[in-house]
Amino acid sequence: MEFVDGATLSSDGEVTERSSRGISRRSVMKAGAAAAWSVPLVQVVAAAPAVAVSGPTSLSATGGTGGWNGNSANMATRITITNTGANDTSSLQVTFTFTSGWVSGTASAPTGWAPGASSATSFTFVAGTQLAAGQSVEVAPTFTSTNGKGFAAQIAVSPTATGSTSVAGAIQVDARK
């Protein structure tokens, strides 16, 4: 149906107005809506980086314990490292740093770990296998002190992996003679 001013009534009941050039507003609106719909879709796809889905690796060290092995200069320690992130670890290692009590000594790498960089008061161990997301591992090295036995000590524990964030843990060793 056509009206006096050139507008028409479509089969779906919409009134369209014909401009003096012969293009209806409805046709312009349909074309604009289609263009507006496709442009944001392209922008969303281009803006999403491939790594955004995976998330970072995150490590925590908890449950630290330590004590002297009988009447010797050997100190046993234990801490749990947990990967709380969304990815497996890469280049996982853990560093035990004596912040008090310890002068010098040696360390035995825990099972499944290799010795890394060390100093008089700091020992690093490199993991033989990596932690999957949500997985935990207990790390239990033994330290042998050259400055005696049975003294109190504090040990800071720092897990690290490539591209990870981490929460350090601590071990408090009580004096026992």
N, C-alpha and C. Protein backbone atom coordinates (compact mmCIF):
# COMPACT_ATOMS: atom_id res chain seq x y z
N MET A 1 0.85 -1.16 0.00
CA MET A 1 0.00 0.00 0.00
C MET A 1 0.89 1.23 0.00
N GLU A 2 0.57 2.23 -0.82
CA GLU A 2 1.36 3.43 -0.90
C GLU A 2 0.53 4.62 -0.43
N PHE A 3 1.16 5.47 0.37
CA PHE A 3 0.50 6.67 0.88
C PHE A 3 0.82 7.85 -0.01
N VAL A 4 0.14 8.97 0.24
CA VAL A 4 0.28 10.17 -0.58
C VAL A 4 1.71 10.69 -0.57
N ASP A 5 2.39 10.65 0.59
CA ASP A 5 3.75 11.21 0.67
C ASP A 5 4.81 10.24 0.14
N GLY A 6 4.42 9.11 -0.41
CA GLY A 6 5.38 8.16 -0.96
C GLY A 6 5.73 7.05 0.00
N ALA A 7 5.22 7.11 1.23
CA ALA A 7 5.48 6.04 2.18
C ALA A 7 4.70 4.81 1.77
N THR A 8 5.17 3.64 2.17
CA THR A 8 4.48 2.41 1.84
C THR A 8 4.27 1.58 3.09
N LEU A 9 3.33 0.68 3.03
CA LEU A 9 3.06 -0.25 4.11
C LEU A 9 3.53 -1.62 3.63
N SER A 10 4.49 -2.21 4.34
CA SER A 10 5.05 -3.50 3.93
C SER A 10 4.15 -4.62 4.38
N SER A 11 4.46 -5.84 3.94
CA SER A 11 3.64 -7.01 4.28
C SER A 11 3.72 -7.34 5.77
N ASP A 12 4.81 -6.91 6.42
CA ASP A 12 4.91 -7.18 7.86
C ASP A 12 4.35 -6.04 8.71
N GLY A 13 3.70 -5.08 8.10
CA GLY A 13 3.01 -4.02 8.82
C GLY A 13 3.84 -2.82 9.15
N GLU A 14 5.07 -2.70 8.64
CA GLU A 14 5.90 -1.54 8.92
C GLU A 14 5.71 -0.48 7.86
N VAL A 15 5.68 0.75 8.32
CA VAL A 15 5.56 1.89 7.41
C VAL A 15 6.96 2.36 7.07
N THR A 16 7.24 2.47 5.77
CA THR A 16 8.53 2.99 5.35
C THR A 16 8.30 4.28 4.58
N GLU A 17 9.25 5.16 4.69
CA GLU A 17 9.15 6.42 3.97
C GLU A 17 10.16 6.42 2.85
N ARG A 18 9.73 6.86 1.70
CA ARG A 18 10.59 6.92 0.55
C ARG A 18 11.16 8.33 0.48
N SER A 19 12.44 8.42 0.35
CA SER A 19 13.06 9.74 0.23
C SER A 19 12.92 10.20 -1.20
N SER A 20 13.29 11.44 -1.42
CA SER A 20 13.17 11.99 -2.77
C SER A 20 14.11 11.29 -3.74
N ARG A 21 15.12 10.56 -3.27
CA ARG A 21 16.05 9.88 -4.15
C ARG A 21 15.64 8.44 -4.40
N GLY A 22 14.61 7.95 -3.76
CA GLY A 22 14.12 6.62 -4.05
C GLY A 22 14.62 5.53 -3.10
N ILE A 23 15.40 5.85 -2.06
CA ILE A 23 15.88 4.86 -1.10
C ILE A 23 15.08 5.02 0.18
N SER A 24 14.52 3.94 0.67
CA SER A 24 13.69 4.05 1.86
C SER A 24 14.56 4.08 3.12
N ARG A 25 14.00 4.67 4.17
CA ARG A 25 14.71 4.68 5.45
C ARG A 25 14.86 3.26 5.99
N ARG A 26 13.89 2.43 5.71
CA ARG A 26 13.97 1.05 6.17
C ARG A 26 15.15 0.33 5.53
N SER A 27 15.37 0.53 4.26
CA SER A 27 16.50 -0.10 3.57
C SER A 27 17.82 0.37 4.17
N VAL A 28 17.90 1.66 4.48
CA VAL A 28 19.12 2.20 5.08
C VAL A 28 19.32 1.61 6.47
N MET A 29 18.23 1.49 7.25
CA MET A 29 18.32 0.94 8.60
C MET A 29 18.74 -0.54 8.56
N LYS A 30 18.19 -1.30 7.61
CA LYS A 30 18.56 -2.70 7.49
C LYS A 30 20.05 -2.85 7.16
N ALA A 31 20.54 -2.07 6.22
CA ALA A 31 21.95 -2.14 5.84
C ALA A 31 22.84 -1.70 7.00
N GLY A 32 22.43 -0.65 7.70
CA GLY A 32 23.22 -0.16 8.84
C GLY A 32 23.26 -1.17 9.97
N ALA A 33 22.14 -1.83 10.23
CA ALA A 33 22.10 -2.83 11.30
C ALA A 33 23.01 -4.01 10.97
N ALA A 34 23.01 -4.43 9.72
CA ALA A 34 23.87 -5.54 9.33
C ALA A 34 25.33 -5.15 9.46
N ALA A 35 25.68 -3.95 9.07
CA ALA A 35 27.07 -3.49 9.19
C ALA A 35 27.46 -3.34 10.66
N ALA A 36 26.57 -2.77 11.46
CA ALA A 36 26.86 -2.58 12.88
C ALA A 36 27.02 -3.93 13.58
N TRP A 37 26.28 -4.93 13.16
CA TRP A 37 26.39 -6.24 13.79
C TRP A 37 27.72 -6.91 13.47
N SER A 38 28.20 -6.81 12.26
CA SER A 38 29.42 -7.52 11.87
C SER A 38 30.68 -6.83 12.37
N VAL A 39 30.70 -5.54 12.51
CA VAL A 39 31.91 -4.83 12.93
C VAL A 39 32.32 -5.19 14.36
N PRO A 40 31.41 -5.14 15.34
CA PRO A 40 31.84 -5.51 16.68
C PRO A 40 32.33 -6.97 16.78
N LEU A 41 31.74 -7.86 16.01
CA LEU A 41 32.18 -9.25 16.03
C LEU A 41 33.63 -9.36 15.62
N VAL A 42 34.03 -8.66 14.60
CA VAL A 42 35.42 -8.67 14.15
C VAL A 42 36.32 -8.06 15.22
N GLN A 43 35.87 -7.00 15.85
CA GLN A 43 36.68 -6.35 16.88
C GLN A 43 36.88 -7.25 18.08
N VAL A 44 35.87 -7.98 18.49
CA VAL A 44 36.00 -8.87 19.64
C VAL A 44 37.00 -9.98 19.34
N VAL A 45 36.92 -10.57 18.17
CA VAL A 45 37.84 -11.64 17.81
C VAL A 45 39.27 -11.13 17.76
N ALA A 46 39.48 -9.97 17.20
CA ALA A 46 40.83 -9.42 17.09
C ALA A 46 41.38 -9.00 18.45
N ALA A 47 40.53 -8.62 19.38
CA ALA A 47 41.00 -8.11 20.67
C ALA A 47 41.34 -9.23 21.66
N ALA A 48 40.93 -10.45 21.42
CA ALA A 48 41.15 -11.54 22.37
C ALA A 48 42.47 -12.25 22.08
N PRO A 49 43.51 -12.05 22.92
CA PRO A 49 44.78 -12.74 22.69
C PRO A 49 44.66 -14.22 23.01
N ALA A 50 45.49 -15.02 22.40
CA ALA A 50 45.43 -16.46 22.57
C ALA A 50 45.69 -16.90 24.00
N VAL A 51 46.55 -16.21 24.76
CA VAL A 51 46.89 -16.63 26.11
C VAL A 51 45.88 -16.20 27.16
N ALA A 52 44.90 -15.39 26.80
CA ALA A 52 43.95 -14.90 27.79
C ALA A 52 43.12 -16.03 28.39
N VAL A 53 42.94 -17.11 27.69
CA VAL A 53 42.13 -18.21 28.18
C VAL A 53 42.86 -19.00 29.26
N SER A 54 44.15 -19.11 29.18
CA SER A 54 44.89 -20.02 30.02
C SER A 54 45.17 -19.50 31.43
N GLY A 55 45.52 -18.25 31.63
CA GLY A 55 45.82 -17.71 32.95
C GLY A 55 47.22 -18.05 33.42
N PRO A 56 47.71 -17.36 34.44
CA PRO A 56 49.08 -17.57 34.91
C PRO A 56 49.21 -18.78 35.83
N THR A 57 50.45 -19.16 36.07
CA THR A 57 50.75 -20.20 37.06
C THR A 57 50.91 -19.49 38.40
N SER A 58 50.43 -20.09 39.45
CA SER A 58 50.52 -19.50 40.78
C SER A 58 50.95 -20.59 41.76
N LEU A 59 51.97 -20.29 42.56
CA LEU A 59 52.53 -21.28 43.50
C LEU A 59 52.40 -20.80 44.93
N SER A 60 52.22 -21.74 45.85
CA SER A 60 52.24 -21.39 47.27
C SER A 60 53.02 -22.45 48.03
N ALA A 61 53.65 -22.02 49.12
CA ALA A 61 54.40 -22.91 50.00
C ALA A 61 53.72 -22.89 51.36
N THR A 62 53.25 -24.06 51.84
CA THR A 62 52.50 -24.12 53.09
C THR A 62 52.93 -25.33 53.92
N GLY A 63 52.56 -25.30 55.19
CA GLY A 63 52.74 -26.45 56.07
C GLY A 63 54.17 -26.77 56.43
N GLY A 64 55.01 -25.75 56.57
CA GLY A 64 56.42 -25.98 56.85
C GLY A 64 56.69 -26.52 58.24
N THR A 65 57.53 -27.58 58.30
CA THR A 65 57.98 -28.13 59.58
C THR A 65 59.48 -28.38 59.52
N GLY A 66 60.11 -28.41 60.67
CA GLY A 66 61.54 -28.69 60.73
C GLY A 66 61.94 -29.16 62.11
N GLY A 67 62.95 -30.01 62.19
CA GLY A 67 63.41 -30.50 63.48
C GLY A 67 64.75 -31.19 63.35
N TRP A 68 65.41 -31.36 64.47
CA TRP A 68 66.72 -32.00 64.50
C TRP A 68 66.56 -33.50 64.53
N ASN A 69 67.43 -34.20 63.79
CA ASN A 69 67.40 -35.66 63.73
C ASN A 69 68.22 -36.22 64.90
N GLY A 70 67.56 -36.45 65.98
CA GLY A 70 68.24 -37.02 67.15
C GLY A 70 69.32 -36.09 67.69
N ASN A 71 70.50 -36.64 67.95
CA ASN A 71 71.59 -35.90 68.53
C ASN A 71 72.67 -35.62 67.48
N SER A 72 72.23 -35.23 66.27
CA SER A 72 73.19 -34.97 65.19
C SER A 72 73.06 -33.54 64.69
N ALA A 73 73.89 -33.19 63.74
CA ALA A 73 73.85 -31.86 63.13
C ALA A 73 72.91 -31.82 61.93
N ASN A 74 72.14 -32.89 61.74
CA ASN A 74 71.20 -32.97 60.61
C ASN A 74 69.83 -32.42 60.98
N MET A 75 69.33 -31.56 60.15
CA MET A 75 68.03 -30.94 60.35
C MET A 75 67.11 -31.39 59.22
N ALA A 76 65.99 -32.01 59.55
CA ALA A 76 65.00 -32.43 58.54
C ALA A 76 63.93 -31.34 58.42
N THR A 77 63.57 -31.02 57.18
CA THR A 77 62.53 -30.03 56.94
C THR A 77 61.53 -30.59 55.94
N ARG A 78 60.38 -29.95 55.90
CA ARG A 78 59.32 -30.42 55.01
C ARG A 78 58.37 -29.25 54.72
N ILE A 79 58.02 -29.09 53.46
CA ILE A 79 57.05 -28.07 53.07
C ILE A 79 56.29 -28.56 51.84
N THR A 80 55.06 -28.10 51.67
CA THR A 80 54.24 -28.49 50.52
C THR A 80 54.16 -27.32 49.54
N ILE A 81 54.49 -27.60 48.27
CA ILE A 81 54.38 -26.61 47.20
C ILE A 81 53.14 -26.97 46.40
N THR A 82 52.24 -26.00 46.18
CA THR A 82 51.01 -26.23 45.43
C THR A 82 50.92 -25.28 44.26
N ASN A 83 50.56 -25.81 43.10
CA ASN A 83 50.29 -24.99 41.91
C ASN A 83 48.81 -24.66 41.92
N THR A 84 48.48 -23.44 42.35
CA THR A 84 47.08 -23.01 42.43
C THR A 84 46.63 -22.30 41.16
N GLY A 85 47.49 -22.25 40.15
CA GLY A 85 47.17 -21.56 38.90
C GLY A 85 46.46 -22.46 37.90
N ALA A 86 46.26 -21.91 36.70
CA ALA A 86 45.53 -22.60 35.63
C ALA A 86 46.45 -23.36 34.68
N ASN A 87 47.76 -23.19 34.78
CA ASN A 87 48.71 -23.84 33.86
C ASN A 87 49.69 -24.72 34.61
N ASP A 88 50.29 -25.67 33.89
CA ASP A 88 51.38 -26.46 34.44
C ASP A 88 52.58 -25.56 34.66
N THR A 89 53.45 -25.93 35.59
CA THR A 89 54.66 -25.13 35.83
C THR A 89 55.70 -25.39 34.75
N SER A 90 56.62 -24.48 34.65
CA SER A 90 57.77 -24.61 33.76
C SER A 90 58.98 -24.11 34.54
N SER A 91 60.05 -24.88 34.58
CA SER A 91 61.28 -24.52 35.31
C SER A 91 61.01 -24.34 36.80
N LEU A 92 60.28 -25.26 37.39
CA LEU A 92 59.94 -25.19 38.82
C LEU A 92 61.18 -25.39 39.67
N GLN A 93 61.34 -24.52 40.66
CA GLN A 93 62.40 -24.67 41.65
C GLN A 93 61.93 -24.07 42.98
N VAL A 94 62.63 -24.43 44.04
CA VAL A 94 62.30 -23.90 45.36
C VAL A 94 63.61 -23.55 46.07
N THR A 95 63.60 -22.40 46.75
CA THR A 95 64.79 -21.93 47.48
C THR A 95 64.48 -21.87 48.97
N PHE A 96 65.36 -22.48 49.76
CA PHE A 96 65.29 -22.45 51.22
C PHE A 96 66.38 -21.48 51.69
N THR A 97 65.99 -20.40 52.36
CA THR A 97 66.95 -19.39 52.84
C THR A 97 66.85 -19.30 54.35
N PHE A 98 67.96 -19.56 55.03
CA PHE A 98 68.00 -19.45 56.48
C PHE A 98 68.07 -17.97 56.84
N THR A 99 67.06 -17.49 57.57
CA THR A 99 67.02 -16.07 57.95
C THR A 99 67.55 -15.84 59.36
N SER A 100 67.71 -16.91 60.13
CA SER A 100 68.32 -16.80 61.46
C SER A 100 68.84 -18.16 61.90
N GLY A 101 69.82 -18.14 62.81
CA GLY A 101 70.32 -19.37 63.43
C GLY A 101 71.38 -20.11 62.66
N TRP A 102 71.32 -20.16 61.38
CA TRP A 102 72.21 -20.97 60.53
C TRP A 102 73.44 -20.16 60.15
N VAL A 103 74.62 -20.77 60.25
CA VAL A 103 75.85 -20.11 59.82
C VAL A 103 76.30 -20.69 58.48
N SER A 104 76.44 -22.00 58.42
CA SER A 104 76.83 -22.64 57.16
C SER A 104 76.59 -24.13 57.25
N GLY A 105 76.66 -24.79 56.11
CA GLY A 105 76.48 -26.23 56.08
C GLY A 105 76.18 -26.70 54.67
N THR A 106 75.64 -27.90 54.59
CA THR A 106 75.31 -28.49 53.30
C THR A 106 73.84 -28.91 53.30
N ALA A 107 73.35 -29.25 52.11
CA ALA A 107 71.97 -29.69 51.98
C ALA A 107 71.91 -30.91 51.07
N SER A 108 71.04 -31.84 51.40
CA SER A 108 70.78 -33.00 50.56
C SER A 108 69.48 -32.72 49.80
N ALA A 109 69.54 -32.84 48.48
CA ALA A 109 68.36 -32.59 47.66
C ALA A 109 67.28 -33.61 47.98
N PRO A 110 66.03 -33.16 48.06
CA PRO A 110 64.94 -34.10 48.30
C PRO A 110 64.74 -35.01 47.08
N THR A 111 64.09 -36.14 47.29
CA THR A 111 63.82 -37.09 46.22
C THR A 111 63.06 -36.39 45.08
N GLY A 112 63.55 -36.59 43.84
CA GLY A 112 62.91 -35.99 42.67
C GLY A 112 63.38 -34.59 42.35
N TRP A 113 64.32 -34.06 43.11
CA TRP A 113 64.82 -32.71 42.91
C TRP A 113 66.34 -32.76 42.76
N ALA A 114 66.90 -31.82 42.02
CA ALA A 114 68.35 -31.73 41.84
C ALA A 114 68.86 -30.48 42.53
N PRO A 115 70.12 -30.51 43.02
CA PRO A 115 70.67 -29.30 43.64
C PRO A 115 70.81 -28.18 42.61
N GLY A 116 70.52 -26.97 43.04
CA GLY A 116 70.70 -25.78 42.20
C GLY A 116 71.73 -24.88 42.84
N ALA A 117 71.61 -23.58 42.61
CA ALA A 117 72.54 -22.60 43.19
C ALA A 117 72.46 -22.63 44.71
N SER A 118 73.60 -22.48 45.36
CA SER A 118 73.64 -22.48 46.82
C SER A 118 74.62 -21.43 47.31
N SER A 119 74.42 -21.01 48.55
CA SER A 119 75.36 -20.13 49.24
C SER A 119 75.47 -20.67 50.66
N ALA A 120 76.12 -19.94 51.55
CA ALA A 120 76.26 -20.40 52.92
C ALA A 120 74.92 -20.53 53.63
N THR A 121 73.94 -19.69 53.26
CA THR A 121 72.66 -19.68 53.96
C THR A 121 71.45 -19.92 53.06
N SER A 122 71.67 -20.21 51.79
CA SER A 122 70.55 -20.37 50.84
C SER A 122 70.80 -21.57 49.93
N PHE A 123 69.77 -22.40 49.76
CA PHE A 123 69.88 -23.61 48.95
C PHE A 123 68.69 -23.69 47.99
N THR A 124 68.98 -23.88 46.70
CA THR A 124 67.93 -23.99 45.69
C THR A 124 67.90 -25.41 45.15
N PHE A 125 66.70 -25.93 44.93
CA PHE A 125 66.51 -27.26 44.36
C PHE A 125 65.63 -27.12 43.12
N VAL A 126 65.98 -27.86 42.06
CA VAL A 126 65.28 -27.81 40.79
C VAL A 126 64.44 -29.08 40.64
N ALA A 127 63.17 -28.91 40.31
CA ALA A 127 62.26 -30.05 40.20
C ALA A 127 62.59 -30.93 39.01
N GLY A 128 62.51 -32.25 39.21
CA GLY A 128 62.71 -33.19 38.12
C GLY A 128 61.48 -33.30 37.25
N THR A 129 60.31 -33.06 37.81
CA THR A 129 59.05 -33.04 37.06
C THR A 129 58.30 -31.77 37.42
N GLN A 130 57.41 -31.36 36.56
CA GLN A 130 56.65 -30.13 36.76
C GLN A 130 55.31 -30.43 37.43
N LEU A 131 54.70 -29.40 38.01
CA LEU A 131 53.40 -29.53 38.67
C LEU A 131 52.29 -29.14 37.71
N ALA A 132 51.30 -30.00 37.56
CA ALA A 132 50.12 -29.66 36.79
C ALA A 132 49.27 -28.69 37.60
N ALA A 133 48.36 -28.00 36.94
CA ALA A 133 47.45 -27.08 37.64
C ALA A 133 46.70 -27.85 38.73
N GLY A 134 46.70 -27.29 39.94
CA GLY A 134 46.01 -27.91 41.06
C GLY A 134 46.80 -29.00 41.78
N GLN A 135 47.98 -29.32 41.32
CA GLN A 135 48.77 -30.41 41.91
C GLN A 135 49.70 -29.88 43.01
N SER A 136 50.02 -30.73 43.99
CA SER A 136 50.93 -30.39 45.09
C SER A 136 52.06 -31.40 45.15
N VAL A 137 53.17 -30.98 45.75
CA VAL A 137 54.30 -31.87 45.98
C VAL A 137 54.93 -31.51 47.33
N GLU A 138 55.33 -32.53 48.07
CA GLU A 138 56.03 -32.30 49.32
C GLU A 138 57.53 -32.27 49.04
N VAL A 139 58.19 -31.26 49.56
CA VAL A 139 59.63 -31.10 49.38
C VAL A 139 60.27 -31.25 50.76
N ALA A 140 61.20 -32.22 50.89
CA ALA A 140 61.76 -32.54 52.21
C ALA A 140 63.28 -32.71 52.15
N PRO A 141 64.03 -31.59 52.07
CA PRO A 141 65.49 -31.72 52.10
C PRO A 141 66.00 -31.90 53.53
N THR A 142 67.23 -32.37 53.64
CA THR A 142 67.92 -32.46 54.93
C THR A 142 69.12 -31.52 54.88
N PHE A 143 69.27 -30.72 55.93
CA PHE A 143 70.39 -29.79 56.04
C PHE A 143 71.35 -30.27 57.12
N THR A 144 72.63 -30.18 56.86
CA THR A 144 73.65 -30.56 57.84
C THR A 144 74.43 -29.31 58.21
N SER A 145 74.37 -28.95 59.47
CA SER A 145 74.99 -27.71 59.95
C SER A 145 76.46 -27.91 60.31
N THR A 146 77.28 -26.93 59.95
CA THR A 146 78.69 -26.96 60.36
C THR A 146 78.88 -26.19 61.67
N ASN A 147 77.85 -25.50 62.14
CA ASN A 147 77.98 -24.72 63.36
C ASN A 147 77.28 -25.37 64.55
N GLY A 148 77.15 -26.68 64.52
CA GLY A 148 76.60 -27.35 65.70
C GLY A 148 75.26 -27.99 65.43
N LYS A 149 74.58 -28.30 66.54
CA LYS A 149 73.29 -28.97 66.45
C LYS A 149 72.34 -28.39 67.49
N GLY A 150 71.08 -28.55 67.22
CA GLY A 150 70.07 -28.20 68.20
C GLY A 150 69.74 -26.73 68.34
N PHE A 151 70.16 -25.87 67.45
CA PHE A 151 69.84 -24.45 67.59
C PHE A 151 68.53 -24.12 66.88
N ALA A 152 67.92 -23.02 67.30
CA ALA A 152 66.69 -22.57 66.65
C ALA A 152 67.04 -21.91 65.32
N ALA A 153 66.17 -22.07 64.35
CA ALA A 153 66.41 -21.48 63.03
C ALA A 153 65.08 -21.12 62.38
N GLN A 154 65.14 -20.13 61.52
CA GLN A 154 63.99 -19.77 60.69
C GLN A 154 64.43 -19.89 59.24
N ILE A 155 63.55 -20.49 58.43
CA ILE A 155 63.86 -20.71 57.02
C ILE A 155 62.71 -20.15 56.17
N ALA A 156 63.06 -19.24 55.26
CA ALA A 156 62.07 -18.74 54.29
C ALA A 156 62.10 -19.68 53.08
N VAL A 157 60.93 -20.03 52.57
CA VAL A 157 60.83 -20.95 51.44
C VAL A 157 60.13 -20.23 50.29
N SER A 158 60.82 -20.17 49.12
CA SER A 158 60.29 -19.45 47.96
C SER A 158 60.22 -20.37 46.74
N PRO A 159 59.01 -20.79 46.36
CA PRO A 159 58.87 -21.56 45.12
C PRO A 159 58.81 -20.60 43.93
N THR A 160 59.41 -20.99 42.81
CA THR A 160 59.34 -20.16 41.60
C THR A 160 59.19 -21.06 40.38
N ALA A 161 58.63 -20.49 39.32
CA ALA A 161 58.52 -21.14 38.01
C ALA A 161 58.43 -20.03 36.98
N THR A 162 58.75 -20.36 35.75
CA THR A 162 58.70 -19.36 34.68
C THR A 162 57.29 -18.77 34.58
N GLY A 163 57.20 -17.45 34.61
CA GLY A 163 55.93 -16.76 34.45
C GLY A 163 54.94 -16.94 35.58
N SER A 164 55.42 -17.29 36.77
CA SER A 164 54.48 -17.55 37.87
C SER A 164 54.50 -16.45 38.91
N THR A 165 53.45 -16.42 39.70
CA THR A 165 53.43 -15.64 40.92
C THR A 165 53.56 -16.66 42.05
N SER A 166 54.09 -16.22 43.18
CA SER A 166 54.24 -17.19 44.27
C SER A 166 54.04 -16.53 45.63
N VAL A 167 53.63 -17.36 46.57
CA VAL A 167 53.48 -16.96 47.96
C VAL A 167 54.49 -17.77 48.75
N ALA A 168 55.42 -17.08 49.41
CA ALA A 168 56.48 -17.75 50.17
C ALA A 168 55.92 -18.39 51.42
N GLY A 169 56.60 -19.40 51.89
CA GLY A 169 56.26 -20.06 53.14
C GLY A 169 57.40 -19.91 54.11
N ALA A 170 57.26 -20.49 55.29
CA ALA A 170 58.31 -20.40 56.30
C ALA A 170 58.34 -21.67 57.13
N ILE A 171 59.53 -21.96 57.64
CA ILE A 171 59.73 -23.10 58.53
C ILE A 171 60.40 -22.56 59.79
N GLN A 172 59.85 -22.90 60.93
CA GLN A 172 60.43 -22.54 62.22
C GLN A 172 60.99 -23.81 62.84
N VAL A 173 62.29 -23.84 63.12
CA VAL A 173 62.93 -25.01 63.74
C VAL A 173 63.26 -24.64 65.18
N ASP A 174 62.72 -25.42 66.12
CA ASP A 174 62.98 -25.15 67.54
C ASP A 174 64.32 -25.70 67.97
N ALA A 175 64.92 -25.07 68.99
CA ALA A 175 66.20 -25.51 69.52
C ALA A 175 66.02 -26.79 70.30
N ARG A 176 66.83 -27.81 69.94
CA ARG A 176 66.82 -29.08 70.67
C ARG A 176 68.25 -29.58 70.74
N LYS A 177 68.72 -29.88 71.91
CA LYS A 177 70.10 -30.35 72.07
C LYS A 177 70.17 -31.82 72.28
